[in-house]
């Protein structure tokens, strides 16, 4: 098991030097090792809370809608388009949004499931996560949506998890 871990670390170091990297890391670790690794990843990630409230606005199928300049996502299924953009005030579901950009060499595999479980346990609510890719900022990034009324609590919990990692490392 340790040999695979060393290979994974060597491959991740290659990401720093612009060697081709896998988008998803595969590792075998205990639940405690996973928590420790993901708290470290959380502490090293760039964390940003987006201002305002956000909502999905639906559009019929067919031509792609023209999203607003601040839109975060445009998604389509067989029945229509959804655009995630600033809330207008008349939506049934309104979200707070925060984002993570991860360092290029970070093994963030399992991060979404781990943090979503942490937030569900703490807040009683699920989350929605949208991922994108920005090679200039380390690769994968996440937008996390939480019910607007729980945004402050979610952000505080994320910050406490990142701080716990810092204290454990001292």
N, C-alpha and C. Protein backbone atom coordinates (compact mmCIF):
# COMPACT_ATOMS: atom_id res chain seq x y z
N UNK A 1 0.83 -1.19 0.00
CA UNK A 1 0.00 0.00 0.00
C UNK A 1 0.87 1.25 0.00
N UNK A 2 1.94 1.28 0.75
CA UNK A 2 2.82 2.45 0.80
C UNK A 2 3.47 2.71 -0.55
N UNK A 3 3.84 1.65 -1.28
CA UNK A 3 4.48 1.84 -2.58
C UNK A 3 3.54 2.61 -3.51
N UNK A 4 2.25 2.26 -3.55
CA UNK A 4 1.28 2.98 -4.38
C UNK A 4 1.19 4.43 -3.96
N UNK A 5 1.24 4.68 -2.66
CA UNK A 5 1.18 6.05 -2.15
C UNK A 5 2.37 6.87 -2.65
N UNK A 6 3.57 6.30 -2.63
CA UNK A 6 4.75 7.01 -3.11
C UNK A 6 4.65 7.30 -4.60
N UNK A 7 4.14 6.33 -5.35
CA UNK A 7 3.96 6.56 -6.79
C UNK A 7 2.99 7.70 -7.02
N UNK A 8 1.91 7.75 -6.23
CA UNK A 8 0.91 8.80 -6.36
C UNK A 8 1.55 10.15 -6.07
N UNK A 9 2.36 10.24 -5.01
CA UNK A 9 3.02 11.49 -4.68
C UNK A 9 3.96 11.90 -5.80
N UNK A 10 4.69 10.97 -6.37
CA UNK A 10 5.60 11.29 -7.46
C UNK A 10 4.81 11.80 -8.66
N UNK A 11 3.68 11.17 -8.97
CA UNK A 11 2.88 11.63 -10.09
C UNK A 11 2.35 13.03 -9.82
N UNK A 12 1.91 13.30 -8.59
CA UNK A 12 1.40 14.62 -8.25
C UNK A 12 2.48 15.67 -8.36
N UNK A 13 3.72 15.34 -8.00
CA UNK A 13 4.81 16.30 -8.16
C UNK A 13 5.00 16.64 -9.62
N UNK A 14 4.72 15.69 -10.51
CA UNK A 14 4.81 15.96 -11.93
C UNK A 14 3.85 17.05 -12.37
N UNK A 15 2.72 17.17 -11.68
CA UNK A 15 1.77 18.24 -12.02
C UNK A 15 2.39 19.61 -11.85
N UNK A 16 3.22 19.75 -10.83
CA UNK A 16 3.87 21.03 -10.57
C UNK A 16 4.78 21.41 -11.72
N UNK A 17 5.39 20.42 -12.36
CA UNK A 17 6.33 20.67 -13.44
C UNK A 17 5.68 20.53 -14.81
N UNK A 18 4.35 20.63 -14.87
CA UNK A 18 3.59 20.61 -16.11
C UNK A 18 3.69 19.30 -16.88
N UNK A 19 3.96 18.20 -16.18
CA UNK A 19 3.91 16.88 -16.79
C UNK A 19 2.44 16.47 -16.82
N UNK A 20 2.03 15.70 -17.80
CA UNK A 20 0.63 15.31 -17.89
C UNK A 20 0.19 14.62 -16.61
N UNK A 21 -0.97 15.02 -16.07
CA UNK A 21 -1.47 14.49 -14.80
C UNK A 21 -2.87 13.93 -14.98
N UNK A 22 -3.20 12.95 -14.16
CA UNK A 22 -4.55 12.43 -14.14
C UNK A 22 -5.45 13.43 -13.44
N UNK A 23 -6.70 13.53 -13.89
CA UNK A 23 -7.63 14.45 -13.26
C UNK A 23 -8.12 13.89 -11.93
N UNK A 24 -8.19 12.59 -11.80
CA UNK A 24 -8.67 11.96 -10.58
C UNK A 24 -7.58 11.04 -10.04
N UNK A 25 -7.26 11.19 -8.77
CA UNK A 25 -6.28 10.32 -8.13
C UNK A 25 -6.97 9.10 -7.55
N UNK A 26 -6.30 7.98 -7.60
CA UNK A 26 -6.81 6.74 -7.01
C UNK A 26 -5.87 6.39 -5.87
N UNK A 27 -6.43 6.26 -4.68
CA UNK A 27 -5.60 5.91 -3.53
C UNK A 27 -6.40 5.00 -2.61
N UNK A 28 -5.68 4.25 -1.81
CA UNK A 28 -6.29 3.36 -0.82
C UNK A 28 -5.80 3.82 0.53
N UNK A 29 -6.71 4.30 1.36
CA UNK A 29 -6.34 4.83 2.66
C UNK A 29 -7.45 4.56 3.66
N UNK A 30 -7.12 4.65 4.91
CA UNK A 30 -8.12 4.49 5.96
C UNK A 30 -8.99 5.75 5.99
N UNK A 31 -10.17 5.65 6.59
CA UNK A 31 -11.01 6.86 6.72
C UNK A 31 -10.28 8.00 7.43
N UNK A 32 -9.49 7.69 8.44
CA UNK A 32 -8.75 8.74 9.15
C UNK A 32 -7.69 9.37 8.24
N UNK A 33 -7.00 8.56 7.44
CA UNK A 33 -6.02 9.11 6.50
C UNK A 33 -6.70 10.01 5.47
N UNK A 34 -7.88 9.60 5.03
CA UNK A 34 -8.64 10.43 4.07
C UNK A 34 -9.00 11.76 4.69
N UNK A 35 -9.56 11.74 5.91
CA UNK A 35 -9.93 13.00 6.59
C UNK A 35 -8.73 13.90 6.77
N UNK A 36 -7.61 13.34 7.17
CA UNK A 36 -6.40 14.13 7.38
C UNK A 36 -5.94 14.75 6.06
N UNK A 37 -5.91 13.96 5.00
CA UNK A 37 -5.49 14.47 3.69
C UNK A 37 -6.42 15.56 3.19
N UNK A 38 -7.74 15.34 3.32
CA UNK A 38 -8.69 16.31 2.78
C UNK A 38 -8.75 17.59 3.60
N UNK A 39 -8.51 17.51 4.89
CA UNK A 39 -8.40 18.75 5.69
C UNK A 39 -7.18 19.54 5.25
N UNK A 40 -6.10 18.85 4.94
CA UNK A 40 -4.90 19.53 4.44
C UNK A 40 -5.18 20.18 3.09
N UNK A 41 -5.87 19.45 2.21
CA UNK A 41 -6.25 20.00 0.90
C UNK A 41 -7.13 21.23 1.10
N UNK A 42 -8.09 21.14 2.00
CA UNK A 42 -8.97 22.27 2.29
C UNK A 42 -8.18 23.48 2.76
N UNK A 43 -7.23 23.26 3.66
CA UNK A 43 -6.43 24.36 4.20
C UNK A 43 -5.56 25.00 3.11
N UNK A 44 -5.15 24.23 2.11
CA UNK A 44 -4.28 24.74 1.04
C UNK A 44 -5.06 25.33 -0.13
N UNK A 45 -6.35 25.06 -0.21
CA UNK A 45 -7.17 25.54 -1.33
C UNK A 45 -7.42 27.04 -1.19
N UNK A 46 -7.64 27.68 -2.32
CA UNK A 46 -8.11 29.06 -2.32
C UNK A 46 -9.62 29.00 -2.13
N UNK A 47 -10.11 29.66 -1.11
CA UNK A 47 -11.53 29.62 -0.72
C UNK A 47 -12.10 31.02 -0.89
N UNK A 48 -13.19 31.12 -1.64
CA UNK A 48 -13.81 32.42 -1.90
C UNK A 48 -15.32 32.30 -1.74
N UNK A 49 -15.90 33.24 -1.01
CA UNK A 49 -17.35 33.31 -0.87
C UNK A 49 -17.85 34.34 -1.88
N UNK A 50 -18.76 33.93 -2.75
CA UNK A 50 -19.29 34.85 -3.74
C UNK A 50 -20.37 35.72 -3.10
N UNK A 51 -20.38 37.00 -3.42
CA UNK A 51 -21.38 37.89 -2.83
C UNK A 51 -22.77 37.63 -3.40
N UNK A 52 -23.77 37.98 -2.63
CA UNK A 52 -25.15 37.91 -3.09
C UNK A 52 -25.75 36.53 -3.02
N UNK A 53 -26.92 36.42 -3.62
CA UNK A 53 -27.65 35.16 -3.70
C UNK A 53 -27.73 34.73 -5.16
N UNK A 54 -27.85 33.41 -5.34
CA UNK A 54 -27.79 32.82 -6.66
C UNK A 54 -28.99 31.89 -6.86
N UNK A 55 -29.40 31.72 -8.11
CA UNK A 55 -30.54 30.85 -8.41
C UNK A 55 -30.40 30.31 -9.83
N UNK A 56 -31.08 29.19 -10.06
CA UNK A 56 -31.18 28.64 -11.41
C UNK A 56 -32.36 29.31 -12.12
N UNK A 57 -32.13 29.70 -13.36
CA UNK A 57 -33.20 30.23 -14.20
C UNK A 57 -33.34 29.28 -15.39
N UNK A 58 -34.57 28.81 -15.60
CA UNK A 58 -34.83 27.81 -16.63
C UNK A 58 -35.20 28.45 -17.97
N UNK A 59 -34.77 27.78 -19.03
CA UNK A 59 -35.07 28.20 -20.40
C UNK A 59 -35.47 26.97 -21.19
N UNK A 60 -36.34 27.15 -22.15
CA UNK A 60 -36.79 26.01 -22.94
C UNK A 60 -35.66 25.46 -23.81
N UNK A 61 -35.84 24.20 -24.20
CA UNK A 61 -34.85 23.56 -25.07
C UNK A 61 -34.81 24.29 -26.40
N UNK A 62 -33.78 24.05 -27.10
CA UNK A 62 -33.62 24.72 -28.39
C UNK A 62 -32.33 25.51 -28.36
N UNK A 63 -32.40 26.72 -28.87
CA UNK A 63 -31.20 27.54 -28.90
C UNK A 63 -30.68 27.84 -27.51
N UNK A 64 -29.38 27.89 -27.40
CA UNK A 64 -28.76 28.20 -26.12
C UNK A 64 -29.15 29.62 -25.68
N UNK A 65 -29.59 29.78 -24.42
CA UNK A 65 -29.94 31.12 -23.94
C UNK A 65 -28.69 31.98 -23.78
N UNK A 66 -28.87 33.27 -23.75
CA UNK A 66 -27.77 34.19 -23.51
C UNK A 66 -27.73 34.47 -22.00
N UNK A 67 -26.78 33.84 -21.28
CA UNK A 67 -26.73 34.06 -19.83
C UNK A 67 -26.22 35.46 -19.50
N UNK A 68 -26.52 35.92 -18.30
CA UNK A 68 -26.02 37.21 -17.85
C UNK A 68 -24.50 37.14 -17.70
N UNK A 69 -23.86 38.27 -17.62
CA UNK A 69 -22.40 38.33 -17.53
C UNK A 69 -21.87 37.67 -16.26
N UNK A 70 -22.68 37.61 -15.21
CA UNK A 70 -22.22 37.01 -13.95
C UNK A 70 -22.60 35.54 -13.81
N UNK A 71 -23.17 34.94 -14.83
CA UNK A 71 -23.59 33.53 -14.76
C UNK A 71 -22.40 32.64 -14.42
N UNK A 72 -22.64 31.64 -13.58
CA UNK A 72 -21.60 30.69 -13.19
C UNK A 72 -21.67 29.40 -13.99
N UNK A 73 -22.86 29.03 -14.45
CA UNK A 73 -23.01 27.75 -15.14
C UNK A 73 -24.19 27.79 -16.09
N UNK A 74 -24.04 27.04 -17.15
CA UNK A 74 -25.09 26.83 -18.15
C UNK A 74 -25.14 25.33 -18.39
N UNK A 75 -26.27 24.72 -18.05
CA UNK A 75 -26.40 23.26 -18.11
C UNK A 75 -27.67 22.91 -18.89
N UNK A 76 -27.57 21.82 -19.66
CA UNK A 76 -28.72 21.43 -20.48
C UNK A 76 -29.06 19.96 -20.25
N UNK A 77 -30.35 19.67 -20.21
CA UNK A 77 -30.81 18.29 -20.30
C UNK A 77 -31.73 18.21 -21.52
N UNK A 78 -32.42 17.09 -21.68
CA UNK A 78 -33.23 16.92 -22.89
C UNK A 78 -34.45 17.84 -22.94
N UNK A 79 -34.81 18.48 -21.83
CA UNK A 79 -36.01 19.32 -21.81
C UNK A 79 -35.73 20.82 -21.78
N UNK A 80 -34.50 21.22 -21.48
CA UNK A 80 -34.25 22.65 -21.45
C UNK A 80 -32.90 23.00 -20.85
N UNK A 81 -32.70 24.29 -20.67
CA UNK A 81 -31.46 24.85 -20.15
C UNK A 81 -31.68 25.38 -18.74
N UNK A 82 -30.64 25.30 -17.92
CA UNK A 82 -30.61 25.94 -16.61
C UNK A 82 -29.39 26.83 -16.56
N UNK A 83 -29.60 28.05 -16.11
CA UNK A 83 -28.49 28.99 -15.97
C UNK A 83 -28.40 29.37 -14.50
N UNK A 84 -27.22 29.17 -13.91
CA UNK A 84 -26.99 29.58 -12.52
C UNK A 84 -26.43 30.99 -12.56
N UNK A 85 -27.20 31.93 -12.04
CA UNK A 85 -26.80 33.34 -12.05
C UNK A 85 -27.40 34.06 -10.85
N UNK A 86 -27.10 35.32 -10.72
CA UNK A 86 -27.60 36.09 -9.57
C UNK A 86 -29.11 35.97 -9.47
N UNK A 87 -29.58 35.84 -8.23
CA UNK A 87 -31.01 35.75 -7.98
C UNK A 87 -31.68 37.09 -8.31
N UNK A 88 -32.90 37.00 -8.81
CA UNK A 88 -33.67 38.21 -9.15
C UNK A 88 -34.66 38.58 -8.06
N UNK A 89 -34.95 37.60 -7.19
CA UNK A 89 -35.86 37.89 -6.08
C UNK A 89 -37.16 37.14 -6.12
N UNK A 90 -37.47 36.47 -7.22
CA UNK A 90 -38.74 35.76 -7.32
C UNK A 90 -38.59 34.24 -7.40
N UNK A 91 -37.38 33.75 -7.14
CA UNK A 91 -37.11 32.31 -7.26
C UNK A 91 -37.57 31.55 -6.02
N UNK A 92 -37.96 30.30 -6.23
CA UNK A 92 -38.37 29.43 -5.13
C UNK A 92 -37.15 28.97 -4.33
N UNK A 93 -36.04 28.68 -5.01
CA UNK A 93 -34.82 28.22 -4.34
C UNK A 93 -33.70 29.21 -4.61
N UNK A 94 -33.12 29.70 -3.53
CA UNK A 94 -32.04 30.68 -3.62
C UNK A 94 -30.85 30.13 -2.84
N UNK A 95 -29.65 30.33 -3.38
CA UNK A 95 -28.45 29.74 -2.81
C UNK A 95 -27.39 30.78 -2.49
N UNK A 96 -26.57 30.44 -1.51
CA UNK A 96 -25.30 31.10 -1.32
C UNK A 96 -24.28 30.24 -2.03
N UNK A 97 -23.20 30.85 -2.51
CA UNK A 97 -22.21 30.12 -3.27
C UNK A 97 -20.82 30.43 -2.74
N UNK A 98 -20.01 29.39 -2.59
CA UNK A 98 -18.59 29.58 -2.32
C UNK A 98 -17.81 28.67 -3.25
N UNK A 99 -16.53 28.99 -3.41
CA UNK A 99 -15.73 28.30 -4.40
C UNK A 99 -14.38 27.88 -3.84
N UNK A 100 -13.84 26.81 -4.41
CA UNK A 100 -12.50 26.33 -4.08
C UNK A 100 -11.71 26.18 -5.37
N UNK A 101 -10.48 26.70 -5.38
CA UNK A 101 -9.49 26.37 -6.39
C UNK A 101 -8.40 25.60 -5.66
N UNK A 102 -8.01 24.47 -6.21
CA UNK A 102 -7.05 23.59 -5.55
C UNK A 102 -5.67 23.74 -6.15
N UNK A 103 -4.63 23.61 -5.32
CA UNK A 103 -3.27 23.63 -5.88
C UNK A 103 -3.10 22.49 -6.88
N UNK A 104 -2.24 22.71 -7.87
CA UNK A 104 -2.07 21.73 -8.95
C UNK A 104 -1.69 20.35 -8.44
N UNK A 105 -0.87 20.24 -7.43
CA UNK A 105 -0.38 18.94 -6.97
C UNK A 105 -1.27 18.31 -5.90
N UNK A 106 -2.37 18.96 -5.54
CA UNK A 106 -3.21 18.46 -4.46
C UNK A 106 -3.98 17.22 -4.88
N UNK A 107 -3.98 16.20 -4.04
CA UNK A 107 -4.81 15.02 -4.25
C UNK A 107 -6.15 15.30 -3.57
N UNK A 108 -7.07 15.89 -4.32
CA UNK A 108 -8.37 16.23 -3.74
C UNK A 108 -9.43 15.17 -4.03
N UNK A 109 -9.02 13.97 -4.40
CA UNK A 109 -9.98 12.91 -4.67
C UNK A 109 -10.79 12.62 -3.41
N UNK A 110 -12.10 12.57 -3.57
CA UNK A 110 -13.00 12.34 -2.45
C UNK A 110 -13.44 13.60 -1.74
N UNK A 111 -12.92 14.75 -2.15
CA UNK A 111 -13.21 16.01 -1.45
C UNK A 111 -14.70 16.35 -1.44
N UNK A 112 -15.35 16.23 -2.59
CA UNK A 112 -16.77 16.60 -2.68
C UNK A 112 -17.61 15.75 -1.73
N UNK A 113 -17.42 14.43 -1.78
CA UNK A 113 -18.20 13.56 -0.89
C UNK A 113 -17.93 13.82 0.57
N UNK A 114 -16.65 14.02 0.91
CA UNK A 114 -16.28 14.27 2.31
C UNK A 114 -16.89 15.57 2.81
N UNK A 115 -16.69 16.67 2.08
CA UNK A 115 -17.19 17.95 2.57
C UNK A 115 -18.71 18.02 2.53
N UNK A 116 -19.32 17.40 1.52
CA UNK A 116 -20.79 17.36 1.47
C UNK A 116 -21.35 16.64 2.69
N UNK A 117 -20.71 15.55 3.11
CA UNK A 117 -21.15 14.83 4.31
C UNK A 117 -20.95 15.67 5.56
N UNK A 118 -19.81 16.36 5.64
CA UNK A 118 -19.55 17.25 6.78
C UNK A 118 -20.64 18.33 6.88
N UNK A 119 -20.98 18.93 5.76
CA UNK A 119 -21.98 20.00 5.76
C UNK A 119 -23.37 19.45 6.07
N UNK A 120 -23.70 18.28 5.55
CA UNK A 120 -25.00 17.66 5.85
C UNK A 120 -25.11 17.38 7.35
N UNK A 121 -24.03 16.83 7.94
CA UNK A 121 -24.04 16.55 9.38
C UNK A 121 -24.18 17.83 10.19
N UNK A 122 -23.50 18.88 9.79
CA UNK A 122 -23.49 20.15 10.53
C UNK A 122 -24.75 20.97 10.32
N UNK A 123 -25.24 21.04 9.08
CA UNK A 123 -26.33 21.96 8.74
C UNK A 123 -27.67 21.28 8.55
N UNK A 124 -27.67 19.98 8.31
CA UNK A 124 -28.92 19.28 8.04
C UNK A 124 -29.37 19.42 6.59
N UNK A 125 -28.58 20.03 5.77
CA UNK A 125 -28.96 20.25 4.38
C UNK A 125 -27.91 19.68 3.44
N UNK A 126 -28.37 19.24 2.30
CA UNK A 126 -27.45 18.83 1.25
C UNK A 126 -26.90 20.05 0.53
N UNK A 127 -26.06 19.79 -0.44
CA UNK A 127 -25.43 20.84 -1.22
C UNK A 127 -25.52 20.46 -2.69
N UNK A 128 -25.23 21.42 -3.55
CA UNK A 128 -25.02 21.14 -4.97
C UNK A 128 -23.61 21.60 -5.29
N UNK A 129 -22.92 20.85 -6.12
CA UNK A 129 -21.54 21.17 -6.47
C UNK A 129 -21.40 21.16 -7.98
N UNK A 130 -20.83 22.23 -8.51
CA UNK A 130 -20.52 22.34 -9.93
C UNK A 130 -19.02 22.46 -10.06
N UNK A 131 -18.45 21.69 -10.96
CA UNK A 131 -17.00 21.70 -11.13
C UNK A 131 -16.64 22.26 -12.50
N UNK A 132 -15.50 22.89 -12.53
CA UNK A 132 -14.94 23.40 -13.78
C UNK A 132 -13.46 23.12 -13.79
N UNK A 133 -12.79 23.59 -14.83
CA UNK A 133 -11.36 23.36 -14.95
C UNK A 133 -10.69 24.65 -15.41
N UNK A 134 -9.67 25.07 -14.67
CA UNK A 134 -8.90 26.26 -15.00
C UNK A 134 -7.43 25.91 -14.82
N UNK A 135 -6.73 25.63 -15.91
CA UNK A 135 -5.33 25.20 -15.83
C UNK A 135 -4.43 26.27 -15.22
N UNK A 136 -4.80 27.54 -15.35
CA UNK A 136 -3.98 28.63 -14.80
C UNK A 136 -4.07 28.70 -13.27
N UNK A 137 -5.10 28.05 -12.69
CA UNK A 137 -5.26 28.08 -11.23
C UNK A 137 -5.26 26.68 -10.64
N UNK A 138 -4.48 25.79 -11.17
CA UNK A 138 -4.31 24.48 -10.56
C UNK A 138 -5.16 23.37 -11.14
N UNK A 139 -6.14 23.68 -11.96
CA UNK A 139 -6.96 22.64 -12.55
C UNK A 139 -8.40 22.70 -12.08
N UNK A 140 -8.87 21.63 -11.46
CA UNK A 140 -10.26 21.52 -11.03
C UNK A 140 -10.60 22.60 -10.01
N UNK A 141 -11.78 23.19 -10.16
CA UNK A 141 -12.33 24.08 -9.13
C UNK A 141 -13.79 23.71 -8.93
N UNK A 142 -14.31 24.07 -7.76
CA UNK A 142 -15.68 23.73 -7.39
C UNK A 142 -16.45 24.98 -7.00
N UNK A 143 -17.71 25.06 -7.43
CA UNK A 143 -18.68 26.00 -6.87
C UNK A 143 -19.62 25.18 -6.00
N UNK A 144 -19.79 25.60 -4.77
CA UNK A 144 -20.67 24.92 -3.82
C UNK A 144 -21.89 25.78 -3.57
N UNK A 145 -23.08 25.19 -3.72
CA UNK A 145 -24.33 25.88 -3.48
C UNK A 145 -24.95 25.33 -2.20
N UNK A 146 -25.33 26.23 -1.32
CA UNK A 146 -26.04 25.87 -0.09
C UNK A 146 -27.27 26.76 0.00
N UNK A 147 -28.33 26.31 0.68
CA UNK A 147 -29.48 27.21 0.85
C UNK A 147 -29.01 28.56 1.40
N UNK A 148 -29.53 29.64 0.83
CA UNK A 148 -29.06 30.98 1.17
C UNK A 148 -29.05 31.24 2.68
N UNK A 149 -30.07 30.76 3.37
CA UNK A 149 -30.18 31.02 4.81
C UNK A 149 -29.11 30.29 5.62
N UNK A 150 -28.41 29.33 5.02
CA UNK A 150 -27.37 28.58 5.73
C UNK A 150 -25.95 28.96 5.29
N UNK A 151 -25.83 29.94 4.42
CA UNK A 151 -24.51 30.28 3.86
C UNK A 151 -23.51 30.62 4.95
N UNK A 152 -23.85 31.50 5.87
CA UNK A 152 -22.90 31.91 6.91
C UNK A 152 -22.46 30.72 7.76
N UNK A 153 -23.39 29.84 8.10
CA UNK A 153 -23.04 28.66 8.90
C UNK A 153 -22.14 27.71 8.11
N UNK A 154 -22.44 27.53 6.83
CA UNK A 154 -21.63 26.64 5.99
C UNK A 154 -20.21 27.19 5.87
N UNK A 155 -20.08 28.48 5.62
CA UNK A 155 -18.77 29.11 5.49
C UNK A 155 -17.99 28.99 6.79
N UNK A 156 -18.65 29.22 7.91
CA UNK A 156 -17.99 29.10 9.22
C UNK A 156 -17.50 27.68 9.45
N UNK A 157 -18.29 26.68 9.05
CA UNK A 157 -17.88 25.29 9.25
C UNK A 157 -16.69 24.95 8.35
N UNK A 158 -16.72 25.40 7.12
CA UNK A 158 -15.59 25.15 6.21
C UNK A 158 -14.32 25.76 6.81
N UNK A 159 -14.42 26.99 7.28
CA UNK A 159 -13.25 27.65 7.87
C UNK A 159 -12.77 26.92 9.12
N UNK A 160 -13.68 26.39 9.91
CA UNK A 160 -13.26 25.66 11.12
C UNK A 160 -12.56 24.36 10.74
N UNK A 161 -13.03 23.67 9.70
CA UNK A 161 -12.36 22.45 9.26
C UNK A 161 -10.95 22.75 8.76
N UNK A 162 -10.79 23.84 8.04
CA UNK A 162 -9.46 24.22 7.55
C UNK A 162 -8.55 24.60 8.72
N UNK A 163 -9.09 25.29 9.72
CA UNK A 163 -8.30 25.69 10.89
C UNK A 163 -7.91 24.47 11.72
N UNK A 164 -8.78 23.49 11.84
CA UNK A 164 -8.47 22.28 12.59
C UNK A 164 -7.25 21.60 11.98
N UNK A 165 -7.15 21.63 10.66
CA UNK A 165 -5.98 21.05 10.00
C UNK A 165 -4.72 21.79 10.42
N UNK A 166 -4.78 23.11 10.43
CA UNK A 166 -3.63 23.91 10.81
C UNK A 166 -3.17 23.61 12.24
N UNK A 167 -4.13 23.47 13.15
CA UNK A 167 -3.78 23.18 14.54
C UNK A 167 -3.19 21.78 14.68
N UNK A 168 -3.73 20.82 13.93
CA UNK A 168 -3.23 19.45 14.01
C UNK A 168 -1.81 19.35 13.48
N UNK A 169 -1.47 20.22 12.54
CA UNK A 169 -0.15 20.15 11.92
C UNK A 169 0.93 20.76 12.80
N UNK A 170 0.54 21.59 13.78
CA UNK A 170 1.53 22.27 14.64
C UNK A 170 2.14 21.33 15.65
